Every structure is written in structure tokens, then in C-alpha cells.
């Protein structure tokens, strides 16, 4: 508590900007009034969930368990794939105001477990089914029900039966104002081994397309485990990954061909990681390893009742810190979690 009070005092006096990075990234920006440019004001239908993976936002970004700098120039979040879903899970799914029998409603299970006032420590939990996520079932059943009936929730679909799901914990700890340590813990709660793709993803908010400008900044590979984030406002940052992930690169640009028909100005667009991971479209990602969106693709086989830990570091330092290799650890099936301390490497 004394350390956090010191950080708060430094922040209040503008001596150190401890709140520069924080949980300012929305879980869902699609289907909102902010992104509505329809002629008749139909915000729900103008930017639906199906567009979100392929269409660059203008005013906001979204992600799962994510952070960004306070003006949202640079964003970081976690994408997932259980090997069965029809889409890469990069953001929360839900029903629009016209789909839900009680209005709009996110149909996910997730928890914000902890955060200090300066966001020097944050912890988030997302529960991800190992079976195919029931997108159509949730939409169709809630649409069928009337307003006097209960809502049909994700837990009602049966995808969590027999504890066949992953607990994905995302933790952040600040070693300094611009030195953020990240830990992702993937726990298999089921009785059998299961596979999952974890894609820690960093990208630049697209603040150029609407104004006809050249892209602001870029992200490129420094080596096989580090990407450089070069943006004029936050400055140069380095995101270091442990282990030996596959680095993927594309641009945070709308896939106009998929949504509207016109030819894309670049072959590397926002939904490239979805197409690469799920559709096996090798040419969707940039072989030159640069763009305005990047991810580290970890393909994990998690034993029953065990967990795998991945660690990253977002900092100004260009030198690769000493990071532990991702390792499987036996874990109790209990939901109870011990408190953890993230070491400074």
C-alpha cells in the first residue's frame, strides 16, 4: 500500500505518469453509436459483430483483457482459438439491442479480478470453452424468446459441461511507468488434454484512413522474439515474447473486398490472423514482418488439470530481457488461486 500511495502521489504531481498505460481498451466497440454512420441511425446493424474482425474502427478499439496508452495510440490484447471455432476470438461476443429479448447483452464469462488505482497491477480472467463457441445458438434462441422469458446465457448452452474449458488469466505489473510486464496463464479445467492458440496482439489505432493520411507509425520485427512499436506520440516501444512463438504481421486496415466489394489497397488487412490461423491462408500475413498490427502465435497443448504460463514485456528497452520458457505445470482443479508476484527480469 505504501508503494501504491507513492505512485499515486507521483501521478498527482505529474512527476511520473503511472496511469499512462491502463485498462482503457473496450471489450466491445462494434454495434455502438460512436461507430454509427448509417443514414437512418441504425447503430446496431451498421457495425455488427461479423464486421468487427475485418473493419477498422474510427473512434475506438476493442479486445479481450487488453490495455492501451491513455490516448489509445497503441493497444495490446489477447486473441484465442480453441481449434473448433469458426472465428478467431479477438473480442467479446454479444447480442445487439434488436437481437436480445431484453436488449443488448454480452454473452461471455469474464472477470476483472484486481487493479490498483494506478493500474500498476491488473488481473483479468476469461473462461473459454473447449467446444465450439455457440454463436448461432445464442442469437437464435434469444431472438426466439419473448421479453417475459428469461435470457439464454452462455452457461445455458452446455459448452462448460464436465469442466471442458480453459481459464485464461491475464496479468499486468509495472516495473516502471513505461515498463509493463505481462503474464498469461492458461489453465485446462477439463479431464483431458486440450489444445489452444494464444495470440498476444499489439496494434495501432487506425487514425489515418478517415482523414486520407499515411499510416501513423508502424510495427516491425526486431528479431524472432521482439517487435518494435514505432509511433510518434508514445514513442518507440519494444514488446518482448518468451519462448519461440510465430510472429505474424498485418495492417489495421478494413478488408473492403470481404465487406463491401472494392479491391483492397493492401493485401494485408485487419482479419489476416483469423484467415491465417483458421483458414490456413498463408498469404494473408505480411512476409516482410511489418505493418500496424502484430501477434505472437503460441500453439499450446495443455495437459488435463495443468497450466501453461507465457510471459511478455512491453518497455522502452530494446535489449531482450531474460524471459522464462513457457512451461506446463500441474495444477489443482480448484478454482481457488494463490496470489502471484511477477518478477522483474
Protein backbone atom coordinates (compact mmCIF):
# COMPACT_ATOMS: atom_id res chain seq x y z
CA UNK A 1 0.00 0.00 0.00
CA UNK A 2 2.86 2.41 0.77
CA UNK A 3 4.32 1.82 -2.71
CA UNK A 4 0.97 2.46 -4.37
CA UNK A 5 0.46 5.63 -2.35
CA UNK A 6 3.85 6.81 -3.54
CA UNK A 7 2.84 6.08 -7.14
CA UNK A 8 -0.44 7.96 -6.68
CA UNK A 9 1.39 10.97 -5.25
CA UNK A 10 3.85 10.97 -8.14
CA UNK A 11 0.96 10.72 -10.59
CA UNK A 12 -0.99 13.57 -8.93
CA UNK A 13 2.05 15.81 -9.06
CA UNK A 14 2.73 14.83 -12.69
CA UNK A 15 6.18 13.68 -11.65
CA UNK A 16 5.65 10.21 -13.14
CA UNK A 17 2.80 9.18 -15.41
CA UNK A 18 1.86 5.89 -13.75
CA UNK A 19 -1.56 5.92 -15.39
CA UNK A 20 -0.20 6.24 -18.95
CA UNK A 21 -0.93 2.53 -19.56
CA UNK A 22 -4.14 1.05 -18.26
CA UNK A 23 -7.33 -0.94 -18.98
CA UNK A 24 -8.69 1.76 -21.27
CA UNK A 25 -9.43 -0.67 -24.09
CA UNK A 26 -13.11 -1.52 -24.57
CA UNK A 27 -14.23 -5.17 -24.62
CA UNK A 28 -16.62 -4.30 -27.44
CA UNK A 29 -16.68 -1.35 -29.84
CA UNK A 30 -18.83 -2.89 -32.59
CA UNK A 31 -22.53 -2.05 -32.66
CA UNK A 32 -22.09 1.22 -30.77
CA UNK A 33 -23.41 4.70 -31.51
CA UNK A 34 -19.85 6.02 -31.71
CA UNK A 35 -19.18 3.92 -34.83
CA UNK A 36 -22.60 4.55 -36.43
CA UNK A 37 -22.58 6.40 -39.75
CA UNK A 38 -25.80 4.94 -41.11
CA UNK A 39 -28.26 7.20 -42.91
CA UNK A 40 -31.13 6.23 -40.61
CA UNK A 41 -29.31 5.93 -37.27
CA UNK A 42 -29.45 2.12 -37.08
CA UNK A 43 -26.33 1.75 -34.95
CA UNK A 44 -26.89 -1.93 -34.11
CA UNK A 45 -26.96 -3.03 -37.73
CA UNK A 46 -24.41 -0.60 -39.18
CA UNK A 47 -21.38 -2.16 -37.49
CA UNK A 48 -22.29 -5.73 -36.42
CA UNK A 49 -20.05 -8.29 -34.71
CA UNK A 50 -19.45 -10.05 -38.05
CA UNK A 51 -17.80 -6.87 -39.38
CA UNK A 52 -15.58 -6.29 -36.34
CA UNK A 53 -12.76 -8.66 -37.27
CA UNK A 54 -12.49 -7.17 -40.79
CA UNK A 55 -13.35 -3.50 -40.37
CA UNK A 56 -11.14 -0.81 -38.86
CA UNK A 57 -12.83 1.35 -36.24
CA UNK A 58 -12.66 5.11 -36.36
CA UNK A 59 -13.01 6.21 -32.74
CA UNK A 60 -12.33 3.24 -30.54
CA UNK A 61 -10.72 -0.21 -30.38
CA UNK A 62 -11.64 -3.39 -28.53
CA UNK A 63 -10.02 -6.55 -27.21
CA UNK A 64 -10.02 -9.22 -24.51
CA UNK A 65 -8.23 -8.37 -21.27
CA UNK A 66 -6.46 -5.54 -23.04
CA UNK A 67 -4.56 -2.38 -22.23
CA UNK A 68 -3.54 0.72 -24.16
CA UNK A 69 -1.90 4.06 -23.55
CA UNK A 70 -4.32 6.65 -22.30
CA UNK A 71 -4.96 8.16 -25.76
CA UNK A 72 -5.22 4.72 -27.32
CA UNK A 73 -2.49 5.05 -29.91
CA UNK A 74 -1.07 1.61 -29.08
CA UNK A 75 -3.27 -1.31 -27.99
CA UNK A 76 -2.50 -4.76 -26.59
CA UNK A 77 -4.95 -7.64 -26.02
CA UNK A 78 -5.18 -11.42 -26.18
CA UNK A 79 -6.73 -13.39 -29.05
CA UNK A 80 -7.69 -17.09 -28.72
CA UNK A 81 -8.64 -20.10 -30.80
CA UNK A 82 -9.70 -23.47 -29.44
CA UNK A 83 -9.28 -25.29 -32.76
CA UNK A 84 -13.05 -25.54 -33.31
CA UNK A 85 -14.49 -22.02 -33.50
CA UNK A 86 -15.37 -20.54 -36.92
CA UNK A 87 -13.69 -17.24 -35.99
CA UNK A 88 -10.61 -16.14 -34.08
CA UNK A 89 -11.79 -14.76 -30.75
CA UNK A 90 -10.33 -11.27 -30.60
CA UNK A 91 -13.19 -9.51 -28.81
CA UNK A 92 -16.30 -10.28 -26.77
CA UNK A 93 -19.41 -11.57 -28.49
CA UNK A 94 -22.92 -10.49 -27.64
CA UNK A 95 -26.38 -9.59 -28.85
CA UNK A 96 -27.38 -6.23 -30.23
CA UNK A 97 -30.35 -4.34 -28.89
CA UNK A 98 -32.58 -5.83 -31.59
CA UNK A 99 -31.35 -9.42 -31.07
CA UNK A 100 -31.68 -9.86 -27.32
CA UNK A 101 -35.07 -10.45 -25.78
CA UNK A 102 -34.07 -7.93 -23.08
CA UNK A 103 -31.90 -5.71 -25.27
CA UNK A 104 -28.16 -5.74 -25.82
CA UNK A 105 -26.18 -8.25 -23.80
CA UNK A 106 -22.63 -9.64 -23.92
CA UNK A 107 -22.76 -13.46 -23.92
CA UNK A 108 -19.39 -14.27 -22.40
CA UNK A 109 -17.99 -15.18 -18.97
CA UNK A 110 -15.13 -12.98 -17.80
CA UNK A 111 -13.98 -11.21 -14.64
CA UNK A 112 -11.87 -8.21 -13.72
CA UNK A 113 -10.19 -9.64 -10.62
CA UNK A 114 -7.86 -6.89 -9.48
CA UNK A 115 -6.43 -3.47 -10.27
CA UNK A 116 -4.58 -0.89 -8.23
CA UNK A 117 -5.58 2.78 -8.65
CA UNK A 118 -2.57 3.48 -10.89
CA UNK A 119 -3.00 0.13 -12.70
CA UNK A 120 0.45 -0.88 -11.50
CA UNK A 121 -1.06 -4.34 -11.12
CA UNK A 122 -4.08 -5.74 -13.00
CA UNK A 123 -5.59 -9.20 -13.28
CA UNK A 124 -8.27 -10.44 -15.67
CA UNK A 125 -9.92 -13.85 -16.19
CA UNK A 126 -11.64 -15.12 -19.34
CA UNK A 127 -13.37 -18.51 -19.46
CA UNK A 128 -13.05 -20.08 -22.91
CA UNK A 129 -14.97 -23.26 -23.86
CA UNK A 130 -13.04 -26.10 -25.46
CA UNK A 131 -16.09 -26.95 -27.59
CA UNK A 132 -17.15 -24.71 -30.47
CA UNK A 133 -18.47 -21.39 -29.17
CA UNK A 134 -22.27 -21.40 -29.75
CA UNK A 135 -22.59 -18.12 -31.65
CA UNK A 136 -25.65 -19.05 -33.72
CA UNK A 137 -27.40 -20.83 -30.84
CA UNK A 138 -27.14 -17.76 -28.62
CA UNK A 139 -28.53 -15.46 -31.31
CA UNK A 140 -31.34 -17.74 -32.46
CA UNK A 141 -32.61 -18.77 -29.02
CA UNK A 142 -32.59 -15.27 -27.57
CA UNK A 143 -34.32 -13.95 -30.67
CA UNK A 144 -36.98 -16.64 -30.28
CA UNK A 145 -37.71 -15.79 -26.63
CA UNK A 146 -40.12 -13.06 -25.68
CA UNK A 147 -39.49 -10.23 -23.25
CA UNK A 148 -41.31 -12.06 -20.45
CA UNK A 149 -38.95 -15.04 -20.68
CA UNK A 150 -35.51 -15.36 -19.15
CA UNK A 151 -32.37 -14.69 -21.15
CA UNK A 152 -30.47 -17.57 -22.72
CA UNK A 153 -26.94 -17.31 -21.37
CA UNK A 154 -23.66 -18.91 -22.41
CA UNK A 155 -23.76 -21.19 -19.37
CA UNK A 156 -27.18 -22.49 -20.51
CA UNK A 157 -25.77 -23.83 -23.78
CA UNK A 158 -23.84 -26.69 -22.16
CA UNK A 159 -20.41 -25.71 -23.51
CA UNK A 160 -18.99 -25.73 -19.98
CA UNK A 161 -20.27 -29.22 -19.11
CA UNK A 162 -17.70 -31.51 -17.44
CA UNK A 163 -15.42 -28.51 -16.92
CA UNK A 164 -14.25 -28.63 -20.53
CA UNK A 165 -12.93 -25.11 -20.69
CA UNK A 166 -9.81 -23.01 -20.26
CA UNK A 167 -9.27 -20.38 -17.61
CA UNK A 168 -7.17 -17.69 -19.26
CA UNK A 169 -5.66 -15.31 -16.71
CA UNK A 170 -4.03 -12.10 -17.97
CA UNK A 171 -1.88 -10.15 -15.52
CA UNK A 172 -0.01 -6.87 -15.85
CA UNK A 173 2.60 -5.43 -13.46
CA UNK A 174 4.51 -2.21 -13.98
CA UNK A 175 8.20 -2.22 -13.18
CA UNK A 176 8.12 1.45 -14.15
CA UNK A 177 5.89 3.91 -15.99
CA UNK A 178 6.79 2.54 -19.42
CA UNK A 179 7.85 -0.96 -18.38
CA UNK A 180 4.87 -3.32 -18.28
CA UNK A 181 5.34 -7.00 -17.52
CA UNK A 182 2.64 -9.30 -18.84
CA UNK A 183 1.80 -12.83 -17.81
CA UNK A 184 -0.80 -15.08 -19.45
CA UNK A 185 -1.69 -18.28 -17.60
CA UNK A 186 -3.75 -20.87 -19.48
CA UNK A 187 -5.35 -23.49 -17.22
CA UNK A 188 -7.09 -26.58 -18.57
CA UNK A 189 -10.00 -27.33 -16.23
CA UNK A 190 -11.08 -30.44 -18.14
CA UNK A 191 -10.25 -34.10 -17.57
CA UNK A 192 -8.46 -34.48 -20.92
CA UNK A 193 -5.58 -32.70 -22.64
CA UNK A 194 -6.69 -29.89 -24.95
CA UNK A 195 -5.05 -27.56 -27.47
CA UNK A 196 -5.35 -23.81 -27.80
CA UNK A 197 -3.78 -20.98 -29.79
CA UNK A 198 -2.88 -17.92 -27.72
CA UNK A 199 -2.09 -14.78 -29.71
CA UNK A 200 -0.91 -11.79 -27.64
CA UNK A 201 -1.60 -8.99 -30.12
CA UNK A 202 -0.41 -5.40 -30.42
CA UNK A 203 -1.73 -2.86 -32.90
CA UNK A 204 -2.03 0.83 -33.70
CA UNK A 205 -5.42 2.50 -33.67
CA UNK A 206 -6.28 3.49 -37.23
CA UNK A 207 -6.40 7.28 -37.02
CA UNK A 208 -5.35 7.84 -40.62
CA UNK A 209 -7.85 6.26 -43.05
CA UNK A 210 -10.76 8.61 -42.34
CA UNK A 211 -8.56 11.64 -42.92
CA UNK A 212 -6.75 10.39 -46.02
CA UNK A 213 -3.35 10.33 -44.34
CA UNK A 214 -0.49 7.90 -44.45
CA UNK A 215 -0.44 5.34 -41.60
CA UNK A 216 0.71 6.78 -38.30
CA UNK A 217 3.62 4.70 -37.11
CA UNK A 218 4.48 1.06 -37.75
CA UNK A 219 5.20 -2.25 -36.05
CA UNK A 220 8.01 -4.48 -37.25
CA UNK A 221 10.13 -7.42 -36.15
CA UNK A 222 13.38 -6.62 -34.39
CA UNK A 223 14.24 -10.32 -34.13
CA UNK A 224 12.36 -13.61 -33.73
CA UNK A 225 11.07 -12.75 -30.24
CA UNK A 226 10.73 -8.94 -30.25
CA UNK A 227 8.61 -6.45 -32.16
CA UNK A 228 9.27 -2.74 -32.33
CA UNK A 229 6.28 -0.39 -31.99
CA UNK A 230 7.17 2.95 -33.57
CA UNK A 231 4.57 5.66 -33.06
CA UNK A 232 5.25 9.43 -32.93
CA UNK A 233 3.06 10.02 -29.85
CA UNK A 234 4.03 7.30 -27.33
CA UNK A 235 7.43 6.93 -28.99
CA UNK A 236 9.31 3.71 -29.65
CA UNK A 237 8.38 0.69 -27.56
CA UNK A 238 9.54 -2.93 -27.67
CA UNK A 239 7.34 -5.93 -26.97
CA UNK A 240 9.40 -8.98 -25.97
CA UNK A 241 7.95 -12.52 -26.01
CA UNK A 242 9.27 -15.57 -24.22
CA UNK A 243 9.60 -18.96 -25.85
CA UNK A 244 9.65 -19.35 -29.63
CA UNK A 245 6.32 -18.06 -30.94
CA UNK A 246 5.48 -17.47 -34.58
CA UNK A 247 5.42 -13.73 -35.21
CA UNK A 248 2.60 -12.57 -37.50
CA UNK A 249 2.14 -9.13 -39.10
CA UNK A 250 -0.62 -7.33 -40.99
CA UNK A 251 -2.24 -3.89 -41.13
CA UNK A 252 -5.11 -2.48 -39.13
CA UNK A 253 -6.97 -1.73 -42.36
CA UNK A 254 -10.50 -2.65 -43.44
CA UNK A 255 -10.94 -5.73 -45.63
CA UNK A 256 -13.10 -3.90 -48.17
CA UNK A 257 -13.21 -6.89 -50.50
CA UNK A 258 -14.92 -9.05 -47.89
CA UNK A 259 -17.37 -6.43 -46.63
CA UNK A 260 -18.08 -4.03 -49.47
CA UNK A 261 -16.57 -5.35 -52.72
CA UNK A 262 -13.86 -2.84 -53.75
CA UNK A 263 -10.28 -4.06 -54.11
CA UNK A 264 -8.13 -3.58 -51.01
CA UNK A 265 -5.33 -1.03 -51.15
CA UNK A 266 -3.12 -3.55 -49.32
CA UNK A 267 -3.23 -7.37 -49.31
CA UNK A 268 -2.60 -7.38 -45.56
CA UNK A 269 -5.74 -6.32 -43.71
CA UNK A 270 -7.28 -6.46 -40.24
CA UNK A 271 -8.67 -10.02 -40.35
CA UNK A 272 -5.38 -11.57 -41.54
CA UNK A 273 -4.72 -13.53 -38.34
CA UNK A 274 -8.21 -15.05 -38.47
CA UNK A 275 -7.63 -16.16 -42.07
CA UNK A 276 -4.12 -17.42 -41.36
CA UNK A 277 -4.97 -19.44 -38.21
CA UNK A 278 -8.40 -20.78 -39.12
CA UNK A 279 -8.46 -20.84 -42.93
CA UNK A 280 -4.77 -21.66 -43.40
CA UNK A 281 -4.36 -18.68 -45.75
CA UNK A 282 -0.58 -18.26 -45.63
CA UNK A 283 -0.59 -15.17 -47.88
CA UNK A 284 -2.84 -13.24 -45.51
CA UNK A 285 0.11 -12.17 -43.32
CA UNK A 286 2.99 -9.97 -44.40
CA UNK A 287 6.18 -12.00 -45.05
CA UNK A 288 8.23 -8.82 -44.60
CA UNK A 289 7.16 -8.90 -40.93
CA UNK A 290 5.90 -5.35 -40.61
CA UNK A 291 2.60 -3.47 -40.54
CA UNK A 292 0.33 -1.80 -37.99
CA UNK A 293 -0.81 -5.00 -36.24
CA UNK A 294 1.31 -7.89 -34.93
CA UNK A 295 0.82 -11.04 -32.87
CA UNK A 296 2.84 -13.88 -31.42
CA UNK A 297 1.16 -17.19 -32.22
CA UNK A 298 1.60 -19.77 -29.45
CA UNK A 299 0.17 -23.24 -30.18
CA UNK A 300 -0.22 -24.91 -26.78
CA UNK A 301 -1.13 -28.45 -25.80
CA UNK A 302 -2.30 -28.19 -22.19
CA UNK A 303 -2.48 -31.42 -20.13
CA UNK A 304 -5.60 -32.12 -18.10
CA UNK A 305 -5.67 -30.10 -14.89
CA UNK A 306 -2.42 -28.31 -15.79
CA UNK A 307 -1.50 -24.78 -16.77
CA UNK A 308 0.99 -23.12 -19.11
CA UNK A 309 2.47 -19.70 -18.39
CA UNK A 310 3.58 -17.20 -21.04
CA UNK A 311 5.43 -14.00 -20.25
CA UNK A 312 5.92 -10.78 -22.20
CA UNK A 313 7.37 -7.36 -21.55
CA UNK A 314 6.34 -4.02 -23.08
CA UNK A 315 9.06 -1.48 -22.48
CA UNK A 316 11.29 1.21 -23.93
CA UNK A 317 14.30 -1.11 -23.67
CA UNK A 318 15.48 -2.66 -26.91
CA UNK A 319 17.59 -5.37 -25.28
CA UNK A 320 15.78 -8.66 -24.82
CA UNK A 321 15.20 -9.27 -21.10
CA UNK A 322 15.69 -12.70 -19.62
CA UNK A 323 12.33 -14.41 -20.01
CA UNK A 324 11.43 -17.86 -18.80
CA UNK A 325 10.41 -20.52 -21.29
CA UNK A 326 6.67 -21.39 -21.26
CA UNK A 327 6.29 -24.43 -19.04
CA UNK A 328 3.44 -26.78 -18.19
CA UNK A 329 2.72 -27.05 -14.51
CA UNK A 330 0.46 -29.41 -12.64
CA UNK A 331 -2.44 -27.54 -11.13
CA UNK A 332 -5.22 -28.32 -8.72
CA UNK A 333 -8.69 -28.46 -10.27
CA UNK A 334 -9.92 -25.99 -7.67
CA UNK A 335 -10.90 -22.50 -8.82
CA UNK A 336 -9.02 -21.03 -5.86
CA UNK A 337 -5.90 -19.15 -6.95
CA UNK A 338 -2.84 -18.23 -4.95
CA UNK A 339 -1.60 -14.66 -5.16
CA UNK A 340 1.28 -14.18 -7.55
CA UNK A 341 4.21 -11.86 -7.90
CA UNK A 342 5.62 -11.03 -11.31
CA UNK A 343 9.40 -10.84 -11.14
CA UNK A 344 11.32 -8.12 -12.91
CA UNK A 345 13.58 -9.87 -15.42
